Structure formats: structure tokens, C-alpha cells
Amino acid sequence: METNSVSRDQYVRKLLDAYRQTPGTTGIVRRADRLLAAQLHQRGVPLTVVENALLLAAARRLFRPATLPPLTTVRSLAYFLPVIDEVLELKVSSDYFQHIRHRLRHWHSA
């Protein structure tokens, strides 16, 4: 796993900014979220992995069948831990995440 090239404070700030902006979240950062972000940095989880996991989870939540009941708002960064672990194991091109980003931008502007 690649090591983080940014300081702990920069990593935590960037991660929490990404979390705040993720569709489906409250946009509120709590102490537990800050602690988890610091733990992810300590584990050496690349920031791009976390950003891609936030993106993937948001897309899954937004593009689910309309016939299903609505999901509640995400209130914790910990919600994304299983997806972060999943993205760490994925063997896909970064183009895949660019495609998801494009779809989310298009959906959001519609």
C-alpha cells in the first residue's frame, strides 16, 4: 500500500472536506469522524482510496431503484469503512472512478 505523501493534518482536513461534500451525508463532522480520519492516515490508507470509496458509496445510494424505500442520511464517516476496505481490494482502473464522478456531476446538475 502506498504511503501518504501529505501530513496527518492535511490528510484529515482533505478527507473530512470530501466527507462533508459527499451526497447523502449531513455535512457535519464530529469528533469521532476526526479520530477515524486520523486512524486511516495512521493505517496508511491513501487519500484517493477514501475519496473513491466516498464516491462509490454515494453513487450506490443515489442510483438505487426508486421503488426501494429512501435511505436515511449518513451521519458518520464510519458508515464508509466497509466501502473503504472494498476499494482497497479492488483491481480497477482509475477511469472507473472518473466515470462515476462524471455520472454524479451529471445527475447533480440535472
N, C-alpha and C. Protein backbone atom coordinates (compact mmCIF):
# COMPACT_ATOMS: atom_id res chain seq x y z
N MET A 1 0.86 -1.17 0.00
CA MET A 1 0.00 0.00 0.00
C MET A 1 0.90 1.23 0.00
N GLU A 2 0.55 2.22 -0.79
CA GLU A 2 1.36 3.43 -0.85
C GLU A 2 1.24 4.21 0.45
N THR A 3 2.29 4.94 0.76
CA THR A 3 2.25 5.75 1.97
C THR A 3 1.66 7.11 1.64
N ASN A 4 1.14 7.76 2.66
CA ASN A 4 0.55 9.07 2.47
C ASN A 4 1.64 10.11 2.29
N SER A 5 1.50 10.95 1.27
CA SER A 5 2.51 11.96 0.99
C SER A 5 2.14 13.31 1.61
N VAL A 6 1.07 13.36 2.34
CA VAL A 6 0.66 14.60 2.99
C VAL A 6 0.74 14.41 4.50
N SER A 7 0.85 15.53 5.20
CA SER A 7 0.91 15.44 6.66
C SER A 7 -0.42 14.92 7.20
N ARG A 8 -0.38 14.50 8.44
CA ARG A 8 -1.60 14.00 9.10
C ARG A 8 -2.69 15.06 9.08
N ASP A 9 -2.33 16.29 9.43
CA ASP A 9 -3.33 17.37 9.47
C ASP A 9 -3.93 17.65 8.10
N GLN A 10 -3.08 17.66 7.07
CA GLN A 10 -3.58 17.88 5.70
C GLN A 10 -4.49 16.74 5.28
N TYR A 11 -4.08 15.52 5.57
CA TYR A 11 -4.86 14.33 5.22
C TYR A 11 -6.23 14.40 5.87
N VAL A 12 -6.25 14.65 7.18
CA VAL A 12 -7.51 14.70 7.92
C VAL A 12 -8.40 15.81 7.35
N ARG A 13 -7.84 16.97 7.11
CA ARG A 13 -8.62 18.09 6.58
C ARG A 13 -9.21 17.75 5.20
N LYS A 14 -8.38 17.21 4.31
CA LYS A 14 -8.86 16.86 2.97
C LYS A 14 -9.92 15.76 3.02
N LEU A 15 -9.68 14.76 3.85
CA LEU A 15 -10.64 13.67 3.97
C LEU A 15 -11.98 14.18 4.50
N LEU A 16 -11.94 14.99 5.55
CA LEU A 16 -13.18 15.49 6.13
C LEU A 16 -13.89 16.45 5.20
N ASP A 17 -13.15 17.22 4.40
CA ASP A 17 -13.78 18.08 3.39
C ASP A 17 -14.51 17.22 2.36
N ALA A 18 -13.87 16.14 1.92
CA ALA A 18 -14.51 15.23 0.96
C ALA A 18 -15.75 14.60 1.57
N TYR A 19 -15.65 14.18 2.82
CA TYR A 19 -16.79 13.59 3.52
C TYR A 19 -17.95 14.58 3.61
N ARG A 20 -17.65 15.82 4.00
CA ARG A 20 -18.68 16.86 4.12
C ARG A 20 -19.44 17.08 2.81
N GLN A 21 -18.72 16.96 1.71
CA GLN A 21 -19.30 17.24 0.39
C GLN A 21 -19.94 16.02 -0.26
N THR A 22 -19.84 14.88 0.39
CA THR A 22 -20.40 13.65 -0.19
C THR A 22 -21.92 13.68 -0.12
N PRO A 23 -22.58 13.49 -1.27
CA PRO A 23 -24.05 13.46 -1.26
C PRO A 23 -24.57 12.38 -0.31
N GLY A 24 -25.62 12.71 0.41
CA GLY A 24 -26.23 11.75 1.32
C GLY A 24 -25.73 11.84 2.74
N THR A 25 -24.73 12.72 3.00
CA THR A 25 -24.23 12.90 4.36
C THR A 25 -24.83 14.18 4.93
N THR A 26 -24.72 14.33 6.24
CA THR A 26 -25.24 15.53 6.89
C THR A 26 -24.37 16.75 6.60
N GLY A 27 -23.11 16.52 6.23
CA GLY A 27 -22.18 17.62 6.04
C GLY A 27 -21.58 18.10 7.35
N ILE A 28 -21.88 17.38 8.42
CA ILE A 28 -21.38 17.74 9.75
C ILE A 28 -20.30 16.75 10.15
N VAL A 29 -19.19 17.28 10.64
CA VAL A 29 -18.08 16.44 11.10
C VAL A 29 -18.08 16.42 12.62
N ARG A 30 -18.03 15.23 13.15
CA ARG A 30 -18.00 15.04 14.60
C ARG A 30 -16.60 14.60 15.04
N ARG A 31 -16.39 14.62 16.34
CA ARG A 31 -15.09 14.23 16.89
C ARG A 31 -14.70 12.81 16.45
N ALA A 32 -15.65 11.90 16.47
CA ALA A 32 -15.38 10.52 16.07
C ALA A 32 -14.92 10.45 14.61
N ASP A 33 -15.45 11.33 13.76
CA ASP A 33 -15.04 11.37 12.36
C ASP A 33 -13.58 11.82 12.24
N ARG A 34 -13.22 12.83 13.03
CA ARG A 34 -11.82 13.31 13.03
C ARG A 34 -10.87 12.22 13.50
N LEU A 35 -11.27 11.51 14.54
CA LEU A 35 -10.43 10.41 15.05
C LEU A 35 -10.27 9.30 14.02
N LEU A 36 -11.36 8.96 13.35
CA LEU A 36 -11.31 7.92 12.33
C LEU A 36 -10.44 8.35 11.15
N ALA A 37 -10.53 9.60 10.75
CA ALA A 37 -9.70 10.10 9.66
C ALA A 37 -8.22 10.00 10.03
N ALA A 38 -7.88 10.34 11.27
CA ALA A 38 -6.50 10.22 11.74
C ALA A 38 -6.06 8.76 11.75
N GLN A 39 -6.96 7.86 12.13
CA GLN A 39 -6.63 6.42 12.14
C GLN A 39 -6.39 5.91 10.72
N LEU A 40 -7.17 6.39 9.77
CA LEU A 40 -6.97 5.98 8.37
C LEU A 40 -5.60 6.46 7.88
N HIS A 41 -5.21 7.66 8.27
CA HIS A 41 -3.89 8.16 7.91
C HIS A 41 -2.82 7.27 8.54
N GLN A 42 -2.99 6.96 9.81
CA GLN A 42 -2.02 6.12 10.53
C GLN A 42 -1.91 4.74 9.89
N ARG A 43 -3.02 4.21 9.41
CA ARG A 43 -3.02 2.91 8.72
C ARG A 43 -2.36 2.98 7.37
N GLY A 44 -2.16 4.19 6.86
CA GLY A 44 -1.54 4.35 5.55
C GLY A 44 -2.52 4.22 4.40
N VAL A 45 -3.80 4.40 4.68
CA VAL A 45 -4.81 4.32 3.62
C VAL A 45 -4.69 5.57 2.75
N PRO A 46 -4.39 5.39 1.47
CA PRO A 46 -4.24 6.55 0.59
C PRO A 46 -5.52 7.39 0.53
N LEU A 47 -5.34 8.68 0.50
CA LEU A 47 -6.47 9.61 0.43
C LEU A 47 -7.34 9.32 -0.79
N THR A 48 -6.73 8.97 -1.91
CA THR A 48 -7.51 8.67 -3.11
C THR A 48 -8.42 7.47 -2.90
N VAL A 49 -7.99 6.51 -2.11
CA VAL A 49 -8.82 5.34 -1.81
C VAL A 49 -10.06 5.78 -1.04
N VAL A 50 -9.86 6.63 -0.04
CA VAL A 50 -11.00 7.10 0.76
C VAL A 50 -11.94 7.93 -0.12
N GLU A 51 -11.38 8.81 -0.92
CA GLU A 51 -12.22 9.64 -1.81
C GLU A 51 -13.00 8.77 -2.79
N ASN A 52 -12.36 7.74 -3.33
CA ASN A 52 -13.05 6.83 -4.25
C ASN A 52 -14.14 6.04 -3.53
N ALA A 53 -13.89 5.67 -2.29
CA ALA A 53 -14.90 4.93 -1.51
C ALA A 53 -16.11 5.82 -1.24
N LEU A 54 -15.88 7.08 -0.89
CA LEU A 54 -16.98 8.02 -0.68
C LEU A 54 -17.80 8.16 -1.96
N LEU A 55 -17.11 8.27 -3.06
CA LEU A 55 -17.75 8.41 -4.37
C LEU A 55 -18.58 7.17 -4.71
N LEU A 56 -17.99 6.00 -4.53
CA LEU A 56 -18.68 4.75 -4.84
C LEU A 56 -19.92 4.56 -3.97
N ALA A 57 -19.79 4.81 -2.69
CA ALA A 57 -20.93 4.65 -1.78
C ALA A 57 -22.03 5.65 -2.12
N ALA A 58 -21.66 6.88 -2.42
CA ALA A 58 -22.66 7.90 -2.79
C ALA A 58 -23.39 7.49 -4.05
N ALA A 59 -22.66 6.99 -5.03
CA ALA A 59 -23.29 6.56 -6.28
C ALA A 59 -24.25 5.40 -6.04
N ARG A 60 -23.85 4.45 -5.24
CA ARG A 60 -24.72 3.31 -4.93
C ARG A 60 -26.00 3.78 -4.25
N ARG A 61 -25.87 4.75 -3.37
CA ARG A 61 -27.05 5.27 -2.66
C ARG A 61 -27.96 6.05 -3.61
N LEU A 62 -27.38 6.83 -4.50
CA LEU A 62 -28.18 7.69 -5.38
C LEU A 62 -28.83 6.93 -6.53
N PHE A 63 -28.13 5.94 -7.06
CA PHE A 63 -28.59 5.25 -8.26
C PHE A 63 -29.28 3.92 -7.96
N ARG A 64 -29.88 3.82 -6.80
CA ARG A 64 -30.62 2.59 -6.47
C ARG A 64 -32.05 2.72 -7.00
N PRO A 65 -32.72 1.61 -7.16
CA PRO A 65 -34.08 1.65 -7.70
C PRO A 65 -35.01 2.57 -6.89
N ALA A 66 -35.79 3.34 -7.59
CA ALA A 66 -36.72 4.29 -6.95
C ALA A 66 -37.83 3.57 -6.20
N THR A 67 -38.02 2.30 -6.49
CA THR A 67 -39.07 1.54 -5.81
C THR A 67 -38.69 1.14 -4.38
N LEU A 68 -37.40 1.26 -4.06
CA LEU A 68 -36.95 0.93 -2.71
C LEU A 68 -37.20 2.10 -1.77
N PRO A 69 -37.38 1.82 -0.49
CA PRO A 69 -37.61 2.92 0.47
C PRO A 69 -36.38 3.83 0.54
N PRO A 70 -36.59 5.10 0.83
CA PRO A 70 -35.46 6.03 0.89
C PRO A 70 -34.50 5.67 2.03
N LEU A 71 -33.25 5.97 1.81
CA LEU A 71 -32.23 5.73 2.83
C LEU A 71 -32.13 6.93 3.75
N THR A 72 -31.72 6.69 4.97
CA THR A 72 -31.51 7.79 5.91
C THR A 72 -30.19 8.50 5.59
N THR A 73 -30.04 9.68 6.11
CA THR A 73 -28.83 10.46 5.90
C THR A 73 -27.67 9.82 6.67
N VAL A 74 -26.50 9.81 6.04
CA VAL A 74 -25.30 9.28 6.67
C VAL A 74 -24.81 10.30 7.68
N ARG A 75 -24.60 9.85 8.91
CA ARG A 75 -24.20 10.75 10.00
C ARG A 75 -22.80 10.48 10.53
N SER A 76 -22.08 9.54 9.91
CA SER A 76 -20.77 9.18 10.44
C SER A 76 -19.85 8.69 9.32
N LEU A 77 -18.61 9.10 9.39
CA LEU A 77 -17.61 8.62 8.45
C LEU A 77 -17.46 7.10 8.55
N ALA A 78 -17.73 6.55 9.72
CA ALA A 78 -17.60 5.10 9.93
C ALA A 78 -18.52 4.31 8.99
N TYR A 79 -19.60 4.90 8.54
CA TYR A 79 -20.51 4.25 7.59
C TYR A 79 -19.73 3.77 6.36
N PHE A 80 -18.70 4.51 5.99
CA PHE A 80 -17.97 4.24 4.76
C PHE A 80 -16.84 3.22 4.92
N LEU A 81 -16.56 2.78 6.15
CA LEU A 81 -15.44 1.86 6.36
C LEU A 81 -15.51 0.59 5.51
N PRO A 82 -16.66 -0.09 5.41
CA PRO A 82 -16.68 -1.29 4.56
C PRO A 82 -16.37 -0.98 3.10
N VAL A 83 -16.79 0.18 2.62
CA VAL A 83 -16.52 0.54 1.22
C VAL A 83 -15.05 0.92 1.06
N ILE A 84 -14.46 1.55 2.06
CA ILE A 84 -13.02 1.86 2.01
C ILE A 84 -12.24 0.56 1.91
N ASP A 85 -12.59 -0.42 2.73
CA ASP A 85 -11.93 -1.72 2.66
C ASP A 85 -12.14 -2.39 1.30
N GLU A 86 -13.34 -2.26 0.77
CA GLU A 86 -13.64 -2.82 -0.55
C GLU A 86 -12.77 -2.17 -1.63
N VAL A 87 -12.67 -0.85 -1.61
CA VAL A 87 -11.87 -0.14 -2.61
C VAL A 87 -10.39 -0.50 -2.49
N LEU A 88 -9.92 -0.72 -1.28
CA LEU A 88 -8.53 -1.16 -1.09
C LEU A 88 -8.25 -2.47 -1.82
N GLU A 89 -9.28 -3.33 -1.92
CA GLU A 89 -9.12 -4.64 -2.56
C GLU A 89 -9.40 -4.62 -4.06
N LEU A 90 -10.06 -3.56 -4.55
CA LEU A 90 -10.45 -3.51 -5.96
C LEU A 90 -9.23 -3.43 -6.87
N LYS A 91 -9.36 -4.06 -7.99
CA LYS A 91 -8.32 -4.01 -9.02
C LYS A 91 -8.94 -3.40 -10.28
N VAL A 92 -9.34 -2.13 -10.18
CA VAL A 92 -9.95 -1.45 -11.32
C VAL A 92 -9.16 -0.20 -11.65
N SER A 93 -9.32 0.24 -12.87
CA SER A 93 -8.64 1.44 -13.35
C SER A 93 -9.22 2.69 -12.67
N SER A 94 -8.41 3.71 -12.57
CA SER A 94 -8.91 4.99 -12.05
C SER A 94 -9.97 5.57 -12.97
N ASP A 95 -10.01 5.11 -14.23
CA ASP A 95 -11.04 5.56 -15.16
C ASP A 95 -12.44 5.20 -14.66
N TYR A 96 -12.54 4.10 -13.95
CA TYR A 96 -13.83 3.67 -13.39
C TYR A 96 -14.37 4.74 -12.45
N PHE A 97 -13.51 5.25 -11.58
CA PHE A 97 -13.95 6.27 -10.64
C PHE A 97 -14.19 7.61 -11.33
N GLN A 98 -13.46 7.88 -12.39
CA GLN A 98 -13.73 9.09 -13.19
C GLN A 98 -15.12 9.01 -13.81
N HIS A 99 -15.48 7.83 -14.27
CA HIS A 99 -16.81 7.61 -14.85
C HIS A 99 -17.90 7.87 -13.80
N ILE A 100 -17.70 7.35 -12.61
CA ILE A 100 -18.67 7.56 -11.53
C ILE A 100 -18.76 9.05 -11.20
N ARG A 101 -17.60 9.72 -11.11
CA ARG A 101 -17.59 11.17 -10.84
C ARG A 101 -18.41 11.92 -11.89
N HIS A 102 -18.20 11.55 -13.14
CA HIS A 102 -18.92 12.19 -14.24
C HIS A 102 -20.43 11.97 -14.11
N ARG A 103 -20.82 10.74 -13.81
CA ARG A 103 -22.25 10.44 -13.65
C ARG A 103 -22.86 11.21 -12.49
N LEU A 104 -22.13 11.30 -11.38
CA LEU A 104 -22.64 12.05 -10.23
C LEU A 104 -22.78 13.53 -10.55
N ARG A 105 -21.81 14.11 -11.23
CA ARG A 105 -21.88 15.52 -11.62
C ARG A 105 -23.06 15.75 -12.54
N HIS A 106 -23.24 14.85 -13.49
CA HIS A 106 -24.35 14.97 -14.44
C HIS A 106 -25.69 14.84 -13.71
N TRP A 107 -25.79 13.87 -12.79
CA TRP A 107 -27.02 13.66 -12.02
C TRP A 107 -27.31 14.86 -11.15
N HIS A 108 -26.26 15.40 -10.52
CA HIS A 108 -26.43 16.51 -9.59
C HIS A 108 -26.86 17.80 -10.31
N SER A 109 -26.39 17.98 -11.54
CA SER A 109 -26.74 19.20 -12.28
C SER A 109 -28.08 19.09 -13.01
N ALA A 110 -28.63 17.89 -13.04
CA ALA A 110 -29.92 17.69 -13.75
C ALA A 110 -31.10 18.18 -12.93
